N, C-alpha and C. Protein backbone atom coordinates (compact mmCIF):
# COMPACT_ATOMS: atom_id res chain seq x y z
N UNK A 1 5.65 -11.36 3.36
CA UNK A 1 4.32 -11.13 2.85
C UNK A 1 3.45 -12.31 3.27
N UNK A 2 2.23 -12.05 3.68
CA UNK A 2 1.33 -13.12 4.10
C UNK A 2 0.88 -13.93 2.90
N UNK A 3 0.38 -15.14 3.18
CA UNK A 3 -0.13 -15.98 2.09
C UNK A 3 -1.27 -15.30 1.37
N UNK A 4 -2.10 -14.60 2.13
CA UNK A 4 -3.24 -13.93 1.50
C UNK A 4 -2.75 -12.82 0.57
N UNK A 5 -1.79 -12.03 1.00
CA UNK A 5 -1.26 -10.96 0.15
C UNK A 5 -0.61 -11.55 -1.10
N UNK A 6 0.09 -12.66 -0.95
CA UNK A 6 0.72 -13.30 -2.09
C UNK A 6 -0.33 -13.80 -3.07
N UNK A 7 -1.37 -14.43 -2.57
CA UNK A 7 -2.44 -14.91 -3.43
C UNK A 7 -3.12 -13.75 -4.15
N UNK A 8 -3.33 -12.66 -3.44
CA UNK A 8 -3.94 -11.48 -4.04
C UNK A 8 -3.03 -10.92 -5.13
N UNK A 9 -1.74 -10.83 -4.84
CA UNK A 9 -0.81 -10.30 -5.83
C UNK A 9 -0.77 -11.21 -7.05
N UNK A 10 -0.81 -12.50 -6.86
CA UNK A 10 -0.81 -13.43 -8.00
C UNK A 10 -2.07 -13.25 -8.84
N UNK A 11 -3.19 -12.99 -8.18
CA UNK A 11 -4.43 -12.79 -8.91
C UNK A 11 -4.39 -11.47 -9.69
N UNK A 12 -3.85 -10.43 -9.07
CA UNK A 12 -3.85 -9.11 -9.70
C UNK A 12 -2.72 -8.94 -10.72
N UNK A 13 -1.64 -9.72 -10.58
CA UNK A 13 -0.47 -9.59 -11.46
C UNK A 13 -0.05 -10.95 -11.99
N UNK A 14 -0.92 -11.65 -12.70
CA UNK A 14 -0.60 -13.02 -13.12
C UNK A 14 0.63 -13.11 -14.02
N UNK A 15 0.92 -12.06 -14.79
CA UNK A 15 2.08 -12.06 -15.69
C UNK A 15 3.40 -12.01 -14.93
N UNK A 16 3.35 -11.70 -13.63
CA UNK A 16 4.58 -11.60 -12.84
C UNK A 16 4.99 -12.94 -12.24
N UNK A 17 4.21 -13.98 -12.47
CA UNK A 17 4.47 -15.29 -11.85
C UNK A 17 4.57 -16.37 -12.92
N UNK A 18 5.44 -17.34 -12.66
CA UNK A 18 5.56 -18.46 -13.57
C UNK A 18 4.52 -19.53 -13.21
N UNK A 19 4.55 -20.65 -13.93
CA UNK A 19 3.57 -21.71 -13.72
C UNK A 19 3.61 -22.30 -12.31
N UNK A 20 4.77 -22.21 -11.65
CA UNK A 20 4.91 -22.74 -10.29
C UNK A 20 4.51 -21.71 -9.23
N UNK A 21 4.10 -20.52 -9.65
CA UNK A 21 3.69 -19.49 -8.70
C UNK A 21 4.82 -18.65 -8.16
N UNK A 22 6.01 -18.75 -8.76
CA UNK A 22 7.16 -17.95 -8.32
C UNK A 22 7.28 -16.71 -9.19
N UNK A 23 7.84 -15.64 -8.61
CA UNK A 23 8.07 -14.43 -9.39
C UNK A 23 9.00 -14.73 -10.56
N UNK A 24 8.69 -14.16 -11.72
CA UNK A 24 9.57 -14.32 -12.87
C UNK A 24 10.81 -13.45 -12.66
N UNK A 25 11.83 -13.69 -13.46
CA UNK A 25 13.06 -12.91 -13.35
C UNK A 25 12.82 -11.43 -13.56
N UNK A 26 11.99 -11.09 -14.56
CA UNK A 26 11.74 -9.67 -14.82
C UNK A 26 10.94 -9.04 -13.68
N UNK A 27 10.05 -9.80 -13.05
CA UNK A 27 9.30 -9.26 -11.91
C UNK A 27 10.23 -9.04 -10.71
N UNK A 28 11.18 -9.96 -10.51
CA UNK A 28 12.15 -9.78 -9.42
C UNK A 28 13.02 -8.55 -9.68
N UNK A 29 13.41 -8.34 -10.94
CA UNK A 29 14.23 -7.17 -11.29
C UNK A 29 13.45 -5.87 -11.04
N UNK A 30 12.17 -5.85 -11.42
CA UNK A 30 11.35 -4.66 -11.17
C UNK A 30 11.21 -4.40 -9.68
N UNK A 31 11.04 -5.47 -8.91
CA UNK A 31 10.92 -5.32 -7.45
C UNK A 31 12.21 -4.79 -6.85
N UNK A 32 13.35 -5.27 -7.36
CA UNK A 32 14.65 -4.78 -6.87
C UNK A 32 14.82 -3.30 -7.21
N UNK A 33 14.41 -2.91 -8.42
CA UNK A 33 14.51 -1.50 -8.82
C UNK A 33 13.60 -0.64 -7.95
N UNK A 34 12.41 -1.13 -7.67
CA UNK A 34 11.46 -0.38 -6.83
C UNK A 34 12.02 -0.23 -5.43
N UNK A 35 12.62 -1.29 -4.90
CA UNK A 35 13.21 -1.25 -3.57
C UNK A 35 14.35 -0.25 -3.53
N UNK A 36 15.20 -0.27 -4.57
CA UNK A 36 16.33 0.66 -4.62
C UNK A 36 15.84 2.10 -4.67
N UNK A 37 14.82 2.36 -5.48
CA UNK A 37 14.29 3.71 -5.60
C UNK A 37 13.75 4.20 -4.27
N UNK A 38 13.12 3.31 -3.51
CA UNK A 38 12.52 3.70 -2.24
C UNK A 38 13.50 3.67 -1.07
N UNK A 39 14.69 3.18 -1.27
CA UNK A 39 15.65 3.05 -0.19
C UNK A 39 16.51 4.30 -0.09
N UNK A 40 16.54 4.90 1.08
CA UNK A 40 17.32 6.12 1.28
C UNK A 40 18.81 5.85 1.24
N UNK A 41 19.23 4.63 1.58
CA UNK A 41 20.66 4.36 1.65
C UNK A 41 21.23 3.77 0.36
N UNK A 42 20.38 3.39 -0.57
CA UNK A 42 20.86 2.75 -1.79
C UNK A 42 21.44 3.78 -2.75
N UNK A 43 22.47 3.38 -3.45
CA UNK A 43 23.05 4.26 -4.46
C UNK A 43 22.00 4.47 -5.54
N UNK A 44 21.74 5.71 -5.87
CA UNK A 44 20.72 6.01 -6.86
C UNK A 44 19.32 6.00 -6.28
N UNK A 45 19.18 5.68 -5.00
CA UNK A 45 17.88 5.62 -4.36
C UNK A 45 17.46 6.97 -3.84
N UNK A 46 16.36 6.98 -3.09
CA UNK A 46 15.73 8.20 -2.61
C UNK A 46 16.67 9.20 -1.98
N UNK A 47 17.50 8.82 -1.02
CA UNK A 47 18.37 9.80 -0.36
C UNK A 47 19.82 9.50 -0.60
N UNK A 48 20.11 8.61 -1.53
CA UNK A 48 21.49 8.18 -1.78
C UNK A 48 22.24 9.15 -2.64
N UNK A 49 23.09 8.61 -3.51
CA UNK A 49 24.01 9.41 -4.28
C UNK A 49 23.43 10.06 -5.51
N UNK A 50 22.16 10.15 -5.66
CA UNK A 50 21.57 10.79 -6.83
C UNK A 50 20.23 10.16 -7.14
N UNK A 51 19.74 10.49 -8.28
CA UNK A 51 18.45 9.97 -8.70
C UNK A 51 18.52 9.62 -10.17
N UNK A 52 17.92 8.52 -10.51
CA UNK A 52 17.80 8.16 -11.92
C UNK A 52 16.43 7.55 -12.13
N UNK A 53 15.94 7.70 -13.32
CA UNK A 53 14.64 7.14 -13.68
C UNK A 53 14.84 6.22 -14.86
N UNK A 54 14.24 5.06 -14.80
CA UNK A 54 14.31 4.11 -15.90
C UNK A 54 13.08 4.33 -16.78
N UNK A 55 13.26 5.11 -17.83
CA UNK A 55 12.13 5.44 -18.69
C UNK A 55 11.56 4.21 -19.39
N UNK A 56 12.41 3.23 -19.66
CA UNK A 56 11.92 1.99 -20.26
C UNK A 56 11.00 1.25 -19.28
N UNK A 57 11.35 1.26 -17.99
CA UNK A 57 10.50 0.62 -16.99
C UNK A 57 9.17 1.37 -16.87
N UNK A 58 9.21 2.70 -16.94
CA UNK A 58 7.97 3.48 -16.89
C UNK A 58 7.10 3.18 -18.11
N UNK A 59 7.72 3.09 -19.27
CA UNK A 59 6.97 2.77 -20.49
C UNK A 59 6.38 1.37 -20.40
N UNK A 60 7.17 0.41 -19.90
CA UNK A 60 6.67 -0.96 -19.74
C UNK A 60 5.50 -0.98 -18.75
N UNK A 61 5.63 -0.25 -17.66
CA UNK A 61 4.54 -0.19 -16.68
C UNK A 61 3.29 0.41 -17.31
N UNK A 62 3.46 1.43 -18.14
CA UNK A 62 2.33 2.02 -18.85
C UNK A 62 1.68 1.03 -19.80
N UNK A 63 2.50 0.26 -20.51
CA UNK A 63 1.97 -0.77 -21.41
C UNK A 63 1.23 -1.86 -20.64
N UNK A 64 1.80 -2.27 -19.49
CA UNK A 64 1.13 -3.27 -18.65
C UNK A 64 -0.19 -2.74 -18.14
N UNK A 65 -0.20 -1.48 -17.73
CA UNK A 65 -1.42 -0.85 -17.25
C UNK A 65 -2.47 -0.81 -18.36
N UNK A 66 -2.04 -0.54 -19.58
CA UNK A 66 -2.95 -0.51 -20.72
C UNK A 66 -3.54 -1.89 -20.97
N UNK A 67 -2.73 -2.94 -20.82
CA UNK A 67 -3.23 -4.30 -20.99
C UNK A 67 -4.26 -4.65 -19.93
N UNK A 68 -4.00 -4.22 -18.70
CA UNK A 68 -4.96 -4.46 -17.62
C UNK A 68 -6.27 -3.75 -17.94
N UNK A 69 -6.16 -2.53 -18.43
CA UNK A 69 -7.34 -1.75 -18.78
C UNK A 69 -8.16 -2.46 -19.85
N UNK A 70 -7.49 -2.96 -20.88
CA UNK A 70 -8.20 -3.68 -21.95
C UNK A 70 -8.86 -4.95 -21.42
N UNK A 71 -8.16 -5.69 -20.58
CA UNK A 71 -8.73 -6.92 -20.01
C UNK A 71 -9.91 -6.59 -19.10
N UNK A 72 -9.80 -5.51 -18.35
CA UNK A 72 -10.88 -5.13 -17.44
C UNK A 72 -12.15 -4.86 -18.22
N UNK A 73 -12.02 -4.18 -19.35
CA UNK A 73 -13.20 -3.85 -20.14
C UNK A 73 -13.87 -5.06 -20.76
N UNK A 74 -13.14 -6.15 -20.95
CA UNK A 74 -13.75 -7.36 -21.49
C UNK A 74 -14.07 -8.36 -20.37
N UNK A 75 -13.06 -8.76 -19.63
CA UNK A 75 -13.24 -9.77 -18.59
C UNK A 75 -14.04 -9.25 -17.40
N UNK A 76 -13.97 -7.96 -17.13
CA UNK A 76 -14.69 -7.38 -16.01
C UNK A 76 -16.19 -7.34 -16.23
N UNK A 77 -16.59 -7.55 -17.46
CA UNK A 77 -18.02 -7.53 -17.78
C UNK A 77 -18.52 -8.92 -18.19
N UNK A 78 -17.74 -9.93 -17.87
CA UNK A 78 -18.05 -11.30 -18.28
C UNK A 78 -19.35 -11.86 -17.74
N UNK A 79 -19.81 -11.39 -16.61
CA UNK A 79 -21.03 -11.93 -16.00
C UNK A 79 -22.27 -11.12 -16.38
N UNK A 80 -22.13 -10.08 -17.18
CA UNK A 80 -23.27 -9.22 -17.51
C UNK A 80 -24.44 -9.98 -18.13
N UNK A 81 -24.15 -10.81 -19.13
CA UNK A 81 -25.21 -11.53 -19.83
C UNK A 81 -25.94 -12.50 -18.90
N UNK A 82 -25.17 -13.26 -18.13
CA UNK A 82 -25.78 -14.23 -17.20
C UNK A 82 -26.59 -13.52 -16.11
N UNK A 83 -26.07 -12.42 -15.62
CA UNK A 83 -26.78 -11.67 -14.59
C UNK A 83 -28.07 -11.07 -15.14
N UNK A 84 -28.02 -10.60 -16.38
CA UNK A 84 -29.23 -10.06 -17.03
C UNK A 84 -30.29 -11.14 -17.16
N UNK A 85 -29.89 -12.36 -17.51
CA UNK A 85 -30.84 -13.47 -17.61
C UNK A 85 -31.49 -13.76 -16.27
N UNK A 86 -30.67 -13.77 -15.21
CA UNK A 86 -31.19 -14.03 -13.87
C UNK A 86 -32.17 -12.93 -13.47
N UNK A 87 -31.79 -11.69 -13.66
CA UNK A 87 -32.66 -10.59 -13.23
C UNK A 87 -33.95 -10.54 -14.04
N UNK A 88 -33.90 -10.93 -15.33
CA UNK A 88 -35.11 -10.96 -16.16
C UNK A 88 -35.99 -12.15 -15.79
N UNK A 89 -35.36 -13.32 -15.63
CA UNK A 89 -36.11 -14.54 -15.31
C UNK A 89 -36.77 -14.46 -13.95
N UNK A 90 -36.13 -13.79 -13.02
CA UNK A 90 -36.64 -13.70 -11.65
C UNK A 90 -37.08 -12.27 -11.31
N UNK A 91 -37.59 -11.56 -12.32
CA UNK A 91 -37.93 -10.15 -12.14
C UNK A 91 -38.93 -9.91 -11.01
N UNK A 92 -39.84 -10.85 -10.78
CA UNK A 92 -40.85 -10.67 -9.74
C UNK A 92 -40.38 -11.15 -8.37
N UNK A 93 -39.16 -11.59 -8.29
CA UNK A 93 -38.60 -12.08 -7.03
C UNK A 93 -37.56 -11.09 -6.54
N UNK A 94 -37.32 -11.10 -5.27
CA UNK A 94 -36.30 -10.20 -4.73
C UNK A 94 -34.91 -10.57 -5.25
N UNK A 95 -34.71 -11.84 -5.58
CA UNK A 95 -33.42 -12.28 -6.12
C UNK A 95 -33.13 -11.60 -7.46
N UNK A 96 -34.14 -11.51 -8.30
CA UNK A 96 -33.97 -10.86 -9.60
C UNK A 96 -33.65 -9.40 -9.46
N UNK A 97 -34.35 -8.73 -8.55
CA UNK A 97 -34.10 -7.31 -8.32
C UNK A 97 -32.70 -7.11 -7.73
N UNK A 98 -32.30 -7.99 -6.82
CA UNK A 98 -30.97 -7.89 -6.22
C UNK A 98 -29.88 -8.13 -7.27
N UNK A 99 -30.12 -9.09 -8.18
CA UNK A 99 -29.15 -9.36 -9.24
C UNK A 99 -29.00 -8.14 -10.14
N UNK A 100 -30.11 -7.50 -10.47
CA UNK A 100 -30.04 -6.30 -11.32
C UNK A 100 -29.29 -5.18 -10.59
N UNK A 101 -29.56 -5.01 -9.31
CA UNK A 101 -28.86 -3.99 -8.53
C UNK A 101 -27.38 -4.28 -8.42
N UNK A 102 -27.04 -5.55 -8.19
CA UNK A 102 -25.63 -5.93 -8.08
C UNK A 102 -24.91 -5.71 -9.41
N UNK A 103 -25.58 -6.02 -10.51
CA UNK A 103 -24.97 -5.82 -11.83
C UNK A 103 -24.72 -4.34 -12.09
N UNK A 104 -25.65 -3.50 -11.70
CA UNK A 104 -25.46 -2.06 -11.87
C UNK A 104 -24.30 -1.54 -11.04
N UNK A 105 -24.24 -1.98 -9.79
CA UNK A 105 -23.13 -1.57 -8.92
C UNK A 105 -21.81 -2.07 -9.47
N UNK A 106 -21.77 -3.32 -9.92
CA UNK A 106 -20.55 -3.89 -10.49
C UNK A 106 -20.10 -3.08 -11.69
N UNK A 107 -21.02 -2.74 -12.59
CA UNK A 107 -20.66 -1.97 -13.78
C UNK A 107 -20.10 -0.59 -13.40
N UNK A 108 -20.67 0.02 -12.37
CA UNK A 108 -20.15 1.31 -11.91
C UNK A 108 -18.72 1.16 -11.37
N UNK A 109 -18.50 0.09 -10.61
CA UNK A 109 -17.15 -0.16 -10.06
C UNK A 109 -16.15 -0.44 -11.16
N UNK A 110 -16.53 -1.24 -12.15
CA UNK A 110 -15.63 -1.54 -13.27
C UNK A 110 -15.32 -0.26 -14.03
N UNK A 111 -16.33 0.57 -14.24
CA UNK A 111 -16.10 1.83 -14.95
C UNK A 111 -15.17 2.75 -14.17
N UNK A 112 -15.37 2.85 -12.86
CA UNK A 112 -14.51 3.70 -12.03
C UNK A 112 -13.07 3.18 -12.03
N UNK A 113 -12.91 1.87 -11.87
CA UNK A 113 -11.58 1.27 -11.88
C UNK A 113 -10.93 1.47 -13.24
N UNK A 114 -11.70 1.30 -14.31
CA UNK A 114 -11.18 1.52 -15.66
C UNK A 114 -10.69 2.94 -15.84
N UNK A 115 -11.44 3.91 -15.30
CA UNK A 115 -11.01 5.30 -15.38
C UNK A 115 -9.69 5.53 -14.65
N UNK A 116 -9.58 4.95 -13.47
CA UNK A 116 -8.35 5.10 -12.69
C UNK A 116 -7.17 4.44 -13.40
N UNK A 117 -7.38 3.25 -13.93
CA UNK A 117 -6.29 2.57 -14.64
C UNK A 117 -5.91 3.34 -15.89
N UNK A 118 -6.89 3.89 -16.60
CA UNK A 118 -6.60 4.70 -17.78
C UNK A 118 -5.77 5.92 -17.44
N UNK A 119 -6.11 6.58 -16.33
CA UNK A 119 -5.34 7.75 -15.88
C UNK A 119 -3.92 7.34 -15.50
N UNK A 120 -3.80 6.19 -14.84
CA UNK A 120 -2.48 5.70 -14.45
C UNK A 120 -1.63 5.40 -15.69
N UNK A 121 -2.24 4.78 -16.69
CA UNK A 121 -1.53 4.49 -17.94
C UNK A 121 -0.99 5.77 -18.56
N UNK A 122 -1.84 6.77 -18.67
CA UNK A 122 -1.42 8.03 -19.28
C UNK A 122 -0.34 8.73 -18.44
N UNK A 123 -0.47 8.67 -17.12
CA UNK A 123 0.52 9.30 -16.24
C UNK A 123 1.88 8.62 -16.38
N UNK A 124 1.90 7.30 -16.45
CA UNK A 124 3.17 6.59 -16.61
C UNK A 124 3.83 6.94 -17.94
N UNK A 125 3.04 6.97 -18.99
CA UNK A 125 3.60 7.30 -20.31
C UNK A 125 4.08 8.75 -20.37
N UNK A 126 3.30 9.65 -19.78
CA UNK A 126 3.69 11.07 -19.77
C UNK A 126 4.95 11.27 -18.94
N UNK A 127 5.05 10.57 -17.82
CA UNK A 127 6.24 10.69 -16.97
C UNK A 127 7.48 10.21 -17.72
N UNK A 128 7.36 9.08 -18.41
CA UNK A 128 8.50 8.57 -19.19
C UNK A 128 8.89 9.58 -20.27
N UNK A 129 7.91 10.13 -20.96
CA UNK A 129 8.20 11.11 -22.01
C UNK A 129 8.84 12.37 -21.42
N UNK A 130 8.36 12.81 -20.27
CA UNK A 130 8.93 14.00 -19.63
C UNK A 130 10.38 13.76 -19.21
N UNK A 131 10.67 12.59 -18.65
CA UNK A 131 12.05 12.29 -18.27
C UNK A 131 12.94 12.27 -19.50
N UNK A 132 12.46 11.65 -20.58
CA UNK A 132 13.27 11.61 -21.81
C UNK A 132 13.52 13.02 -22.34
N UNK A 133 12.47 13.84 -22.36
CA UNK A 133 12.60 15.21 -22.86
C UNK A 133 13.56 16.02 -21.99
N UNK A 134 13.42 15.90 -20.67
CA UNK A 134 14.30 16.64 -19.77
C UNK A 134 15.75 16.18 -19.88
N UNK A 135 15.95 14.88 -20.00
CA UNK A 135 17.31 14.35 -20.14
C UNK A 135 17.94 14.86 -21.43
N UNK A 136 17.15 14.89 -22.48
CA UNK A 136 17.65 15.40 -23.76
C UNK A 136 18.01 16.88 -23.65
N UNK A 137 17.16 17.65 -22.96
CA UNK A 137 17.43 19.09 -22.77
C UNK A 137 18.70 19.31 -21.96
N UNK A 138 18.89 18.52 -20.91
CA UNK A 138 20.09 18.64 -20.08
C UNK A 138 21.32 18.30 -20.90
N UNK A 139 21.26 17.22 -21.67
CA UNK A 139 22.40 16.84 -22.52
C UNK A 139 22.71 17.95 -23.53
N UNK A 140 21.67 18.53 -24.09
CA UNK A 140 21.87 19.61 -25.05
C UNK A 140 22.50 20.82 -24.37
N UNK A 141 21.99 21.19 -23.19
CA UNK A 141 22.50 22.36 -22.47
C UNK A 141 23.96 22.16 -22.03
N UNK A 142 24.33 20.91 -21.75
CA UNK A 142 25.70 20.63 -21.33
C UNK A 142 26.63 20.45 -22.54
N UNK A 143 26.06 20.50 -23.73
CA UNK A 143 26.87 20.39 -24.93
C UNK A 143 27.29 18.97 -25.26
N UNK A 144 26.57 18.00 -24.75
CA UNK A 144 26.93 16.59 -25.02
C UNK A 144 26.16 16.06 -26.19
């Protein structure tokens, strides 16, 4: 991975890194599970000896997604007040108008991203619930 990609990942997933900037043990385990799932030759992977889903990992991912969503709604709007002051103070200048336009565009982007993250959260939770329900049905049908 390039330095830029690593820096971006650290910025987007700060909980996955320790104070020294290294992946935490749980982040390494999730990465290993993701690699296994995507690997055709791995046991339990895409084309290997079967398929399994870690519903706890899906639930955790949903919870992490929900935390990102909550942070986005607060931290993603952190510059709103300062930008409003700039656009009001410089209303007769092109800078003020540009600041107001940029704030509007930013708010639209934050709202769109929030919608996508919210949908992802719900999809992860629903997928985990569906796997649990199906596993329970299979166990019941097999008489276990």
